[in-house]
Amino acid sequence: MNNWWRRIVLSLVGVLSLVLVYAKLYQRGMAAFEGENKTYVESIQTVVETLTTVGFGGDAPWDSTVMNIFVIGMILTGVSLVFLALPLIVVPLFREALEDRPPETTDLSDHVVICSYTPRSDVLAEELEAANVPYVFVDDDPELVVDLSREGTDAIYGELDQEETLRAANAAEAHALVTDVDDETNAIVILTARELSSDLRIVSVAENEDVASYHRYAGADEIVRPRRVLGQSLARKATTTVSAELRDTIEVSEELAVTELLVQEQSDLVGQTIPESGIRDRMGITVIGAWFNGEFVPVPGPDHRVDGNTILLVAGRRDDLSELKTRTVSTLRHRRDRVVVGGYGAVGRTAVETLADDGVTTCVIDHEEMPGVDIVGDVTTENDLESAAVDDSRSIILTLDDDATTIYATLILKQVAPNIEIIARANEPKNIPKLYRAGAEYVLSLSTVTGRMLASVLIEDEEILTPETQFELVRTATPQIADRSLGDVDLRARTGCTVVAAERGDELLTDLGPEFTVLEDDTLIVAGSDEAINRFVALATE
């Protein structure tokens, strides 16, 4: 907008100079050719009337040819100015006025201030919306803020490191502030927010392990490290598939555990439906749902057959789950316990450390030469993959920071080493189905892990027990459905999630049927996909 004001000022100065020059020439011309002495002010009046084409006062007509030509020139100049002013100044100004301006303030209170908007923010926003927690994004990209505002999302524009911006976001009256930009910017935002309010709860997202202490020193109350958690989870998934031992479980109690199991090719479950497999009837295990090529299906029935890409979400006694785990493992002889790791950033390094702790041999591929990298190369290049002996490895973990490259690498791996198990990191949840279609066996997104970890910190009545898995397991109070049975509420049909257990005082109740009645002080443990859990939380908070 400043450019337009500068243009207007320069245009006005130019027009005024033209009027003054024309007035002086007119005054002299009238004296020389018409024999009339005009004052300078009278000459200015005539010039203005002529340029604006509103009239010529008492001087018209002129007797001399020179003055008539001079007046004709002034008229043409005035007309030209009008036609030039419209496209160059007037029309752009109207267009600028009609364009949406990014909001720069908010009236929200007891809300969450999120600095700034990233693809990772969508998962957190969905969690907050489901729990009826208001939030506002603060970003320094005006076009992005306008787009968010058009979509109905509360967002304001401002420089993240300025106290005025945080004041405009009403941070002093906020429930909490989350900063998720980069490690250096986050530190500045923390310092600025702490200067604004000593009581504000500040949550920071740390990309690298080393900066966590700096963020805490700057004033952060909570620090989440999703890349470390993601790396550990991907590594555990690789070690879980190496053997039949049940490792990656969520222990709800001594009698109840929840886990997700990847069904491998050539296991005896492939080709069967869940009812045919006897998982429920003969083994006493609750099948909460399953992922078929990346699509979550709650309580799959006879229309869905298990294949080599199916991931089962199940709950039951640990011994029963261990027995089921043996059925998911391939009956063929395993390749040696060796895992290739593609990418050696924060996620890749953590994955390698976790695998080493479990005694698993690794081979690291990265495009930069650094300590810990075995092959300097590209996971999308066949020669580099062959150098890493992917065909002689059990699994490959792709921890790249670009989803398009990860998808392309997955397609190549299926050609170079069709039997290798691909465990992949995605940055955005929307790319998870594409990775499954490309051939990945297990995918977990950084956005999902980050959003869940932040939501678990920010939402007081909800505890997310599984930030690092494809499914979500939450412990939450549900007073809104008190004195109603699960059958009456019909949670599975309405939300797609399953109530795994209920905490009633010191007692944990499991194997809940449709007749189970929820009491006001009960705490329910619910499992399902992110979307299903959000629907449940929204239902429970209506």
Protein backbone atom coordinates (compact mmCIF):
# COMPACT_ATOMS: atom_id res chain seq x y z
CA MET A 1 0.00 0.00 0.00
CA ASN A 2 2.94 2.39 0.63
CA ASN A 3 3.90 2.13 -3.05
CA TRP A 4 0.45 3.32 -4.05
CA TRP A 5 0.61 6.33 -1.72
CA ARG A 6 4.04 7.22 -3.13
CA ARG A 7 2.62 6.99 -6.65
CA ILE A 8 -0.33 9.21 -5.75
CA VAL A 9 1.91 11.87 -4.18
CA LEU A 10 4.23 11.92 -7.20
CA SER A 11 1.24 12.15 -9.55
CA LEU A 12 -0.23 15.09 -7.65
CA VAL A 13 3.12 16.89 -7.64
CA GLY A 14 3.43 16.33 -11.38
CA VAL A 15 -0.09 17.65 -12.12
CA LEU A 16 0.46 20.71 -9.89
CA SER A 17 3.74 21.50 -11.65
CA LEU A 18 2.03 21.19 -15.02
CA VAL A 19 -0.76 23.59 -13.94
CA LEU A 20 1.75 26.15 -12.69
CA VAL A 21 3.83 26.00 -15.90
CA TYR A 22 0.73 26.23 -18.11
CA ALA A 23 -0.58 29.19 -16.04
CA LYS A 24 2.67 31.13 -16.53
CA LEU A 25 2.66 30.42 -20.29
CA TYR A 26 -1.04 31.36 -20.53
CA GLN A 27 -0.48 34.63 -18.69
CA ARG A 28 2.33 35.64 -21.06
CA GLY A 29 0.46 34.40 -24.15
CA MET A 30 -2.65 36.44 -23.31
CA ALA A 31 -0.51 39.58 -22.92
CA ALA A 32 1.48 39.01 -26.11
CA PHE A 33 -1.16 37.69 -28.51
CA GLU A 34 -4.54 38.82 -27.12
CA GLY A 35 -3.47 42.14 -25.60
CA GLU A 36 -5.00 41.28 -22.20
CA ASN A 37 -3.16 41.37 -18.92
CA LYS A 38 -4.19 38.46 -16.68
CA THR A 39 -3.12 37.91 -13.12
CA TYR A 40 -1.32 34.66 -12.32
CA VAL A 41 -4.27 33.47 -10.21
CA GLU A 42 -6.71 34.17 -13.07
CA SER A 43 -4.40 32.23 -15.38
CA ILE A 44 -4.34 29.26 -12.95
CA GLN A 45 -8.15 29.27 -12.87
CA THR A 46 -8.39 29.19 -16.65
CA VAL A 47 -5.80 26.39 -16.90
CA VAL A 48 -7.62 24.28 -14.30
CA GLU A 49 -10.97 24.80 -16.10
CA THR A 50 -9.37 23.81 -19.39
CA LEU A 51 -7.46 20.75 -18.13
CA THR A 52 -10.54 19.42 -16.35
CA THR A 53 -12.72 20.25 -19.41
CA VAL A 54 -15.35 21.93 -17.24
CA GLY A 55 -15.36 25.23 -19.17
CA PHE A 56 -13.30 28.25 -20.25
CA GLY A 57 -14.75 31.18 -18.29
CA GLY A 58 -14.86 34.60 -19.89
CA ASP A 59 -11.69 34.31 -21.97
CA ALA A 60 -13.17 32.25 -24.80
CA PRO A 61 -13.08 32.62 -27.74
CA TRP A 62 -9.47 33.59 -28.46
CA ASP A 63 -8.67 35.72 -31.48
CA SER A 64 -5.08 34.63 -32.10
CA THR A 65 -4.11 31.33 -33.71
CA VAL A 66 -1.30 30.82 -31.21
CA MET A 67 -3.63 30.98 -28.17
CA ASN A 68 -6.19 28.69 -29.77
CA ILE A 69 -3.48 26.13 -30.47
CA PHE A 70 -2.18 26.56 -26.92
CA VAL A 71 -5.68 25.99 -25.44
CA ILE A 72 -6.19 22.94 -27.68
CA GLY A 73 -2.92 21.53 -26.29
CA MET A 74 -4.11 22.11 -22.74
CA ILE A 75 -7.41 20.33 -23.47
CA LEU A 76 -5.61 17.32 -24.95
CA THR A 77 -3.29 17.26 -21.94
CA GLY A 78 -6.26 17.26 -19.57
CA VAL A 79 -8.00 14.45 -21.44
CA SER A 80 -4.77 12.41 -21.51
CA LEU A 81 -4.32 12.87 -17.77
CA VAL A 82 -7.83 11.56 -17.16
CA PHE A 83 -7.28 8.47 -19.28
CA LEU A 84 -3.86 7.83 -17.71
CA ALA A 85 -5.09 8.34 -14.16
CA LEU A 86 -7.87 5.78 -14.48
CA PRO A 87 -5.75 2.70 -15.33
CA LEU A 88 -2.62 3.71 -13.45
CA ILE A 89 -3.99 5.11 -10.21
CA VAL A 90 -7.76 5.04 -9.76
CA VAL A 91 -8.46 1.46 -10.91
CA PRO A 92 -5.55 -0.10 -8.95
CA LEU A 93 -6.61 1.81 -5.85
CA PHE A 94 -10.15 0.49 -6.14
CA ARG A 95 -8.80 -3.02 -6.73
CA GLU A 96 -6.55 -2.70 -3.69
CA ALA A 97 -9.46 -1.52 -1.58
CA LEU A 98 -11.64 -4.43 -2.69
CA GLU A 99 -8.97 -7.05 -1.99
CA ASP A 100 -9.08 -8.88 1.33
CA ARG A 101 -6.69 -7.52 3.89
CA PRO A 102 -5.19 -10.00 6.36
CA PRO A 103 -6.62 -9.65 9.87
CA GLU A 104 -4.10 -8.27 12.33
CA THR A 105 -5.96 -8.69 15.64
CA THR A 106 -8.21 -11.18 17.39
CA ASP A 107 -10.76 -10.93 20.19
CA LEU A 108 -10.29 -14.54 21.34
CA SER A 109 -9.46 -15.31 24.96
CA ASP A 110 -8.56 -18.50 26.81
CA HIS A 111 -7.38 -19.74 23.42
CA VAL A 112 -4.24 -21.28 21.95
CA VAL A 113 -1.92 -19.02 19.96
CA ILE A 114 -0.10 -21.04 17.29
CA CYS A 115 3.05 -19.54 15.72
CA SER A 116 3.02 -20.19 12.74
CA TYR A 117 0.94 -22.16 10.22
CA THR A 118 2.61 -25.28 8.74
CA PRO A 119 1.25 -28.53 7.28
CA ARG A 120 1.94 -30.02 10.73
CA SER A 121 -0.58 -27.61 12.21
CA ASP A 122 -3.60 -29.26 10.61
CA VAL A 123 -3.53 -32.27 12.95
CA LEU A 124 -3.26 -30.03 16.03
CA ALA A 125 -6.08 -27.80 14.74
CA GLU A 126 -8.34 -30.82 14.25
CA GLU A 127 -7.62 -32.05 17.77
CA LEU A 128 -8.34 -28.61 19.26
CA GLU A 129 -11.55 -28.20 17.26
CA ALA A 130 -12.80 -31.61 18.40
CA ALA A 131 -12.19 -30.60 22.01
CA ASN A 132 -13.84 -27.15 21.49
CA VAL A 133 -10.61 -25.33 22.29
CA PRO A 134 -10.39 -22.01 20.37
CA TYR A 135 -7.13 -21.17 18.60
CA VAL A 136 -5.60 -18.56 16.32
CA PHE A 137 -2.71 -18.88 13.90
CA VAL A 138 -0.11 -16.12 13.72
CA ASP A 139 1.90 -15.99 10.50
CA ASP A 140 4.07 -13.50 8.64
CA ASP A 141 2.69 -14.49 5.22
CA PRO A 142 -0.23 -12.13 4.46
CA GLU A 143 -1.55 -14.19 1.55
CA LEU A 144 -1.60 -17.34 3.68
CA VAL A 145 -3.46 -15.51 6.45
CA VAL A 146 -6.02 -14.26 3.93
CA ASP A 147 -6.51 -17.82 2.61
CA LEU A 148 -6.95 -19.20 6.13
CA SER A 149 -9.44 -16.46 6.98
CA ARG A 150 -11.45 -17.21 3.84
CA GLU A 151 -11.63 -20.85 4.93
CA GLY A 152 -13.07 -19.79 8.29
CA THR A 153 -9.88 -20.35 10.29
CA ASP A 154 -8.91 -17.74 12.87
CA ALA A 155 -5.57 -16.30 11.76
CA ILE A 156 -3.80 -12.96 12.01
CA TYR A 157 -0.86 -11.43 10.20
CA GLY A 158 2.24 -10.14 11.95
CA GLU A 159 5.96 -10.57 12.53
CA LEU A 160 6.40 -13.50 14.90
CA ASP A 161 9.28 -11.99 16.86
CA GLN A 162 7.47 -8.72 17.64
CA GLU A 163 5.73 -8.15 20.96
CA GLU A 164 3.06 -6.07 19.18
CA THR A 165 2.08 -9.13 17.15
CA LEU A 166 1.64 -11.29 20.24
CA ARG A 167 -0.35 -8.52 21.88
CA ALA A 168 -2.58 -8.41 18.80
CA ALA A 169 -3.02 -12.18 19.18
CA ASN A 170 -4.18 -11.51 22.76
CA ALA A 171 -1.46 -13.85 24.01
CA ALA A 172 -1.63 -12.46 27.55
CA GLU A 173 -5.21 -13.79 27.80
CA ALA A 174 -4.43 -17.08 26.05
CA HIS A 175 -4.59 -20.60 27.46
CA ALA A 176 -1.21 -21.35 25.88
CA LEU A 177 1.16 -20.38 23.08
CA VAL A 178 2.68 -22.93 20.70
CA THR A 179 5.67 -22.06 18.53
CA ASP A 180 6.54 -24.40 15.67
CA VAL A 181 8.66 -22.57 13.10
CA ASP A 182 12.33 -23.56 13.34
CA ASP A 183 14.66 -23.91 16.31
CA GLU A 184 16.15 -20.41 16.10
CA THR A 185 12.87 -18.59 15.45
CA ASN A 186 11.16 -20.60 18.18
CA ALA A 187 13.75 -19.36 20.70
CA ILE A 188 13.07 -15.73 19.73
CA VAL A 189 9.29 -16.24 19.94
CA ILE A 190 9.70 -17.79 23.40
CA LEU A 191 11.74 -14.84 24.65
CA THR A 192 9.23 -12.35 23.22
CA ALA A 193 6.23 -14.19 24.68
CA ARG A 194 7.86 -14.54 28.08
CA GLU A 195 8.60 -10.82 28.13
CA LEU A 196 4.93 -10.19 27.40
CA SER A 197 3.64 -12.46 30.16
CA SER A 198 5.34 -14.41 32.91
CA ASP A 199 2.24 -16.60 33.40
CA LEU A 200 1.64 -17.59 29.78
CA ARG A 201 2.09 -21.31 29.15
CA ILE A 202 4.58 -21.71 26.29
CA VAL A 203 5.01 -24.94 24.34
CA SER A 204 7.86 -25.27 21.86
CA VAL A 205 8.54 -27.80 19.11
CA ALA A 206 12.25 -28.69 18.94
CA GLU A 207 13.66 -30.14 15.73
CA ASN A 208 17.05 -31.08 17.17
CA GLU A 209 17.69 -32.69 20.50
CA ASP A 210 20.44 -30.23 21.44
CA VAL A 211 18.24 -27.11 21.35
CA ALA A 212 15.71 -28.32 23.93
CA SER A 213 17.78 -26.93 26.82
CA TYR A 214 18.05 -23.55 25.04
CA HIS A 215 14.30 -23.34 24.58
CA ARG A 216 13.73 -24.18 28.22
CA TYR A 217 16.28 -21.55 29.27
CA ALA A 218 14.50 -19.01 27.05
CA GLY A 219 11.28 -19.65 29.00
CA ALA A 220 9.42 -22.58 27.42
CA ASP A 221 7.28 -24.58 29.87
CA GLU A 222 6.94 -27.66 27.66
CA ILE A 223 9.12 -28.90 24.82
CA VAL A 224 8.03 -31.62 22.42
CA ARG A 225 10.49 -33.47 20.19
CA PRO A 226 8.40 -35.20 17.53
CA ARG A 227 11.30 -36.12 15.27
CA ARG A 228 12.91 -38.17 18.00
CA VAL A 229 9.63 -39.91 18.81
CA LEU A 230 9.01 -40.54 15.10
CA GLY A 231 12.47 -42.03 14.61
CA GLN A 232 12.03 -44.35 17.60
CA SER A 233 8.61 -45.47 16.38
CA LEU A 234 9.79 -46.25 12.85
CA ALA A 235 12.75 -48.20 14.24
CA ARG A 236 10.55 -50.15 16.65
CA LYS A 237 8.26 -51.04 13.77
CA ALA A 238 11.28 -52.45 11.91
CA THR A 239 12.47 -54.46 14.91
CA THR A 240 8.93 -55.71 15.53
CA THR A 241 8.67 -57.13 12.04
CA VAL A 242 12.07 -58.83 12.35
CA SER A 243 10.81 -61.36 14.89
CA ALA A 244 7.61 -62.84 16.17
CA GLU A 245 8.14 -61.26 19.58
CA LEU A 246 5.46 -58.77 20.62
CA ARG A 247 7.25 -55.50 21.38
CA ASP A 248 5.32 -52.43 20.27
CA THR A 249 2.28 -52.40 22.58
CA ILE A 250 0.41 -49.96 24.78
CA GLU A 251 -0.11 -51.49 28.20
CA VAL A 252 -3.50 -50.31 29.47
CA SER A 253 -3.30 -52.69 32.45
CA GLU A 254 -1.79 -56.04 33.35
CA GLU A 255 -4.72 -57.71 31.62
CA LEU A 256 -5.17 -55.43 28.62
CA ALA A 257 -2.88 -54.19 25.89
CA VAL A 258 -3.44 -52.46 22.55
CA THR A 259 -1.18 -52.80 19.54
CA GLU A 260 -1.04 -52.62 15.77
CA LEU A 261 0.28 -55.62 13.85
CA LEU A 262 1.58 -55.58 10.29
CA VAL A 263 0.47 -58.66 8.39
CA GLN A 264 3.36 -59.93 6.28
CA GLU A 265 3.16 -61.66 2.94
CA GLN A 266 2.90 -65.45 3.23
CA SER A 267 1.41 -65.30 6.77
CA ASP A 268 -1.55 -67.60 7.35
CA LEU A 269 -3.90 -64.59 7.73
CA VAL A 270 -3.45 -63.40 4.15
CA GLY A 271 -6.57 -64.01 2.07
CA GLN A 272 -8.91 -64.35 5.05
CA THR A 273 -11.53 -61.97 6.37
CA ILE A 274 -11.47 -61.04 10.05
CA PRO A 275 -14.48 -63.30 10.84
CA GLU A 276 -12.83 -66.19 8.98
CA SER A 277 -9.55 -65.73 10.83
CA GLY A 278 -11.10 -66.50 14.22
CA ILE A 279 -9.27 -63.58 15.85
CA ARG A 280 -12.41 -62.56 17.71
CA ASP A 281 -14.20 -65.84 18.31
CA ARG A 282 -11.35 -68.28 18.97
CA MET A 283 -8.65 -65.98 20.34
CA GLY A 284 -10.81 -63.55 22.34
CA ILE A 285 -9.11 -60.50 20.80
CA THR A 286 -11.03 -57.32 20.00
CA VAL A 287 -10.35 -56.07 16.48
CA ILE A 288 -10.71 -52.31 16.76
CA GLY A 289 -10.06 -51.77 13.08
CA ALA A 290 -7.59 -52.31 10.27
CA TRP A 291 -5.72 -50.32 7.63
CA PHE A 292 -6.18 -51.63 4.13
CA ASN A 293 -3.67 -49.83 1.86
CA GLY A 294 -3.74 -46.82 4.14
CA GLU A 295 -7.52 -46.64 4.58
CA PHE A 296 -8.77 -47.25 8.11
CA VAL A 297 -11.82 -49.52 8.38
CA PRO A 298 -13.40 -49.83 11.85
CA VAL A 299 -14.38 -53.39 12.76
CA PRO A 300 -13.82 -54.86 9.27
CA GLY A 301 -16.32 -57.50 8.20
CA PRO A 302 -16.64 -60.03 5.39
CA ASP A 303 -16.09 -57.41 2.67
CA HIS A 304 -12.43 -56.89 3.56
CA ARG A 305 -9.76 -59.56 3.09
CA VAL A 306 -6.37 -59.36 4.77
CA ASP A 307 -3.36 -58.90 2.49
CA GLY A 308 0.33 -58.15 2.85
CA ASN A 309 -0.32 -54.45 3.41
CA THR A 310 -2.96 -54.86 6.13
CA ILE A 311 -2.27 -53.46 9.59
CA LEU A 312 -4.51 -54.79 12.37
CA LEU A 313 -5.43 -52.65 15.36
CA VAL A 314 -6.25 -55.06 18.17
CA ALA A 315 -6.79 -55.15 21.94
CA GLY A 316 -6.62 -58.08 24.34
CA ARG A 317 -4.51 -60.00 26.83
CA ARG A 318 -0.80 -59.82 26.10
CA ASP A 319 -0.49 -63.62 25.76
CA ASP A 320 -3.30 -63.68 23.19
CA LEU A 321 -1.74 -60.78 21.28
CA SER A 322 1.61 -62.60 21.25
CA GLU A 323 -0.09 -65.62 19.74
CA LEU A 324 -1.72 -63.44 17.08
CA LYS A 325 1.66 -61.83 16.36
CA THR A 326 3.08 -65.23 15.39
CA ARG A 327 0.28 -65.58 12.86
CA THR A 328 1.09 -62.25 11.20
CA VAL A 329 4.73 -63.18 10.53
CA SER A 330 5.65 -64.72 7.19
CA THR A 331 6.04 -68.50 7.21
CA LEU A 332 9.00 -68.20 4.83
CA ARG A 333 12.59 -68.04 6.08
CA HIS A 334 13.54 -64.51 6.99
CA ARG A 335 16.40 -62.60 5.47
CA ARG A 336 19.08 -61.59 7.92
CA ASP A 337 18.22 -58.97 10.50
CA ARG A 338 19.60 -55.97 8.65
CA VAL A 339 17.87 -52.60 8.14
CA VAL A 340 18.77 -49.89 5.64
CA VAL A 341 18.06 -46.32 6.71
CA GLY A 342 17.56 -43.71 3.99
CA GLY A 343 18.22 -40.20 5.30
CA TYR A 344 20.36 -39.22 8.29
CA GLY A 345 18.61 -36.19 9.70
CA ALA A 346 17.15 -35.99 13.20
CA VAL A 347 14.63 -38.77 12.48
CA GLY A 348 17.18 -41.03 10.78
CA ARG A 349 19.78 -40.66 13.51
CA THR A 350 17.25 -41.55 16.17
CA ALA A 351 16.11 -44.57 14.17
CA VAL A 352 19.71 -45.81 13.84
CA GLU A 353 20.34 -45.34 17.59
CA THR A 354 17.16 -47.25 18.44
CA LEU A 355 18.03 -50.09 16.06
CA ALA A 356 21.56 -50.30 17.47
CA ASP A 357 20.17 -50.59 21.01
CA ASP A 358 18.17 -53.62 19.79
CA GLY A 359 21.25 -55.17 18.20
CA VAL A 360 20.07 -54.67 14.62
CA THR A 361 22.68 -54.07 11.92
CA THR A 362 22.11 -50.92 9.87
CA CYS A 363 23.36 -49.34 6.66
CA VAL A 364 22.79 -45.60 6.26
CA ILE A 365 22.40 -43.79 2.92
CA ASP A 366 22.51 -40.00 2.80
CA HIS A 367 23.44 -37.42 0.19
CA GLU A 368 25.88 -35.72 2.59
CA GLU A 369 29.13 -37.20 3.85
CA MET A 370 29.16 -37.17 7.65
CA PRO A 371 29.96 -39.50 10.55
CA GLY A 372 27.41 -42.31 10.67
CA VAL A 373 26.70 -42.34 6.93
CA ASP A 374 27.84 -45.57 5.26
CA ILE A 375 26.99 -44.72 1.66
CA VAL A 376 26.99 -41.18 0.27
CA GLY A 377 24.31 -41.41 -2.34
CA ASP A 378 20.64 -41.17 -3.23
CA VAL A 379 17.86 -43.58 -2.28
CA THR A 380 16.24 -42.89 -5.65
CA THR A 381 19.29 -44.23 -7.52
CA GLU A 382 19.37 -47.95 -8.25
CA ASN A 383 23.17 -48.22 -8.04
CA ASP A 384 23.23 -46.68 -4.56
CA LEU A 385 20.43 -48.96 -3.38
CA GLU A 386 22.30 -51.98 -4.73
CA SER A 387 25.47 -50.77 -2.99
CA ALA A 388 23.49 -50.75 0.26
CA ALA A 389 22.45 -54.38 -0.41
CA VAL A 390 18.75 -53.61 -0.01
CA ASP A 391 17.88 -56.95 -1.59
CA ASP A 392 19.66 -58.71 1.27
CA SER A 393 18.02 -56.59 4.00
CA ARG A 394 14.93 -57.16 6.05
CA SER A 395 13.59 -53.59 5.93
CA ILE A 396 14.36 -50.09 4.79
CA ILE A 397 13.33 -47.04 6.78
CA LEU A 398 12.86 -43.92 4.65
CA THR A 399 13.28 -40.81 6.82
CA LEU A 400 13.50 -38.19 4.08
CA ASP A 401 12.13 -34.67 4.57
CA ASP A 402 10.43 -34.53 1.16
CA ASP A 403 7.32 -36.64 0.54
CA ALA A 404 7.67 -36.61 -3.24
CA THR A 405 11.17 -38.09 -2.97
CA THR A 406 9.95 -40.69 -0.48
CA ILE A 407 7.14 -41.78 -2.81
CA TYR A 408 9.54 -41.99 -5.76
CA ALA A 409 12.07 -43.97 -3.70
CA THR A 410 9.31 -46.40 -2.68
CA LEU A 411 8.40 -47.03 -6.32
CA ILE A 412 12.05 -47.68 -7.20
CA LEU A 413 12.56 -49.99 -4.22
CA LYS A 414 9.64 -52.15 -5.31
CA GLN A 415 11.51 -52.70 -8.59
CA VAL A 416 15.02 -53.10 -7.19
CA ALA A 417 14.12 -55.18 -4.11
CA PRO A 418 10.46 -56.27 -4.34
CA ASN A 419 10.62 -58.33 -1.13
CA ILE A 420 12.04 -55.66 1.16
CA GLU A 421 9.74 -54.20 3.78
CA ILE A 422 9.39 -50.42 3.38
CA ILE A 423 8.74 -48.34 6.50
CA ALA A 424 8.36 -44.69 5.60
CA ARG A 425 8.12 -41.26 7.16
CA ALA A 426 5.60 -38.86 5.65
CA ASN A 427 5.51 -35.16 6.40
CA GLU A 428 1.86 -34.57 5.51
CA PRO A 429 -0.99 -37.00 6.30
CA LYS A 430 -2.49 -36.47 2.83
CA ASN A 431 0.50 -38.30 1.32
CA ILE A 432 0.10 -41.44 3.43
CA PRO A 433 -2.34 -43.15 1.00
CA LYS A 434 0.02 -42.39 -1.90
CA LEU A 435 2.90 -44.09 -0.09
CA TYR A 436 0.78 -47.16 0.56
CA ARG A 437 -0.25 -47.29 -3.08
CA ALA A 438 3.41 -46.98 -4.04
CA GLY A 439 4.15 -50.10 -1.98
CA ALA A 440 5.11 -49.04 1.55
CA GLU A 441 4.15 -51.47 4.32
CA TYR A 442 3.99 -48.94 7.15
CA VAL A 443 3.78 -45.14 7.08
CA LEU A 444 3.71 -42.62 9.91
CA SER A 445 3.61 -38.86 9.40
CA LEU A 446 5.56 -36.19 11.26
CA SER A 447 2.42 -34.05 11.27
CA THR A 448 0.47 -36.74 13.10
CA VAL A 449 3.12 -37.22 15.77
CA THR A 450 3.61 -33.46 16.27
CA GLY A 451 -0.11 -32.68 16.40
CA ARG A 452 -0.86 -35.46 18.87
CA MET A 453 2.03 -34.58 21.17
CA LEU A 454 0.97 -30.93 21.25
CA ALA A 455 -2.70 -31.82 21.74
CA SER A 456 -1.81 -34.11 24.63
CA VAL A 457 -0.07 -31.17 26.33
CA LEU A 458 -2.74 -28.57 25.56
CA ILE A 459 -6.04 -30.42 26.07
CA GLU A 460 -6.59 -30.86 29.79
CA ASP A 461 -9.37 -33.46 29.74
CA GLU A 462 -7.72 -35.69 27.15
CA GLU A 463 -4.59 -37.81 27.39
CA ILE A 464 -3.26 -39.18 24.12
CA LEU A 465 -1.48 -42.44 24.93
CA THR A 466 -0.15 -43.13 21.43
CA PRO A 467 1.37 -40.10 19.70
CA GLU A 468 3.80 -42.32 17.79
CA THR A 469 1.48 -44.82 16.10
CA GLN A 470 -0.95 -44.88 13.20
CA PHE A 471 -3.86 -45.25 15.59
CA GLU A 472 -4.87 -43.00 18.44
CA LEU A 473 -5.57 -44.21 21.95
CA VAL A 474 -6.94 -41.61 24.35
CA ARG A 475 -8.00 -41.53 27.96
CA THR A 476 -10.82 -39.01 28.41
CA ALA A 477 -13.71 -38.10 30.68
CA THR A 478 -17.14 -38.21 29.03
CA PRO A 479 -19.74 -36.63 31.35
CA GLN A 480 -21.91 -35.73 28.35
CA ILE A 481 -22.83 -39.38 27.74
CA ALA A 482 -23.21 -40.32 31.41
CA ASP A 483 -26.08 -42.64 32.37
CA ARG A 484 -26.30 -43.94 28.80
CA SER A 485 -25.26 -47.34 27.52
CA LEU A 486 -22.71 -47.80 24.77
CA GLY A 487 -25.45 -49.37 22.69
CA ASP A 488 -27.67 -46.32 23.06
CA VAL A 489 -24.84 -43.96 22.15
CA ASP A 490 -23.82 -46.28 19.27
CA LEU A 491 -20.25 -45.01 19.26
CA ARG A 492 -18.92 -47.37 16.61
CA ALA A 493 -21.54 -46.42 14.06
CA ARG A 494 -21.42 -42.69 14.85
CA THR A 495 -17.67 -42.24 15.28
CA GLY A 496 -15.88 -45.35 14.00
CA CYS A 497 -13.94 -45.86 17.23
CA THR A 498 -14.06 -48.51 19.95
CA VAL A 499 -14.23 -48.17 23.72
CA VAL A 500 -11.41 -50.45 24.86
CA ALA A 501 -11.89 -50.06 28.61
CA ALA A 502 -13.34 -47.86 31.33
CA GLU A 503 -11.67 -46.68 34.52
CA ARG A 504 -14.11 -46.59 37.42
CA GLY A 505 -12.33 -45.54 40.56
CA ASP A 506 -9.42 -47.95 41.03
CA GLU A 507 -11.03 -50.57 38.81
CA LEU A 508 -10.36 -51.09 35.10
CA LEU A 509 -13.35 -52.55 33.28
CA THR A 510 -12.71 -54.38 30.01
CA ASP A 511 -14.69 -56.44 27.50
CA LEU A 512 -17.42 -53.80 27.45
CA GLY A 513 -20.60 -54.78 25.65
CA PRO A 514 -23.36 -52.58 24.24
CA GLU A 515 -25.21 -52.82 27.55
CA PHE A 516 -22.39 -51.14 29.49
CA THR A 517 -23.63 -47.89 31.06
CA VAL A 518 -21.24 -44.97 31.38
CA LEU A 519 -21.23 -43.21 34.75
CA GLU A 520 -20.43 -39.54 35.21
CA ASP A 521 -17.04 -40.12 36.87
CA ASP A 522 -15.93 -42.84 34.44
CA THR A 523 -12.86 -42.31 32.31
CA LEU A 524 -13.03 -44.08 28.97
CA ILE A 525 -10.07 -45.44 27.02
CA VAL A 526 -10.97 -45.18 23.35
CA ALA A 527 -9.08 -46.32 20.25
CA GLY A 528 -9.42 -45.59 16.54
CA SER A 529 -8.05 -43.50 13.71
CA ASP A 530 -7.38 -39.78 14.18
CA GLU A 531 -10.63 -38.89 12.42
CA ALA A 532 -12.63 -41.39 14.48
CA ILE A 533 -11.20 -40.15 17.77
CA ASN A 534 -11.90 -36.53 16.83
CA ARG A 535 -15.52 -37.46 16.06
CA PHE A 536 -15.75 -39.18 19.44
CA VAL A 537 -14.27 -36.20 21.31
CA ALA A 538 -16.64 -33.83 19.49
CA LEU A 539 -19.58 -36.08 20.42
CA ALA A 540 -18.46 -36.31 24.03
CA THR A 541 -18.09 -32.53 24.36
CA GLU A 542 -21.42 -31.55 22.75
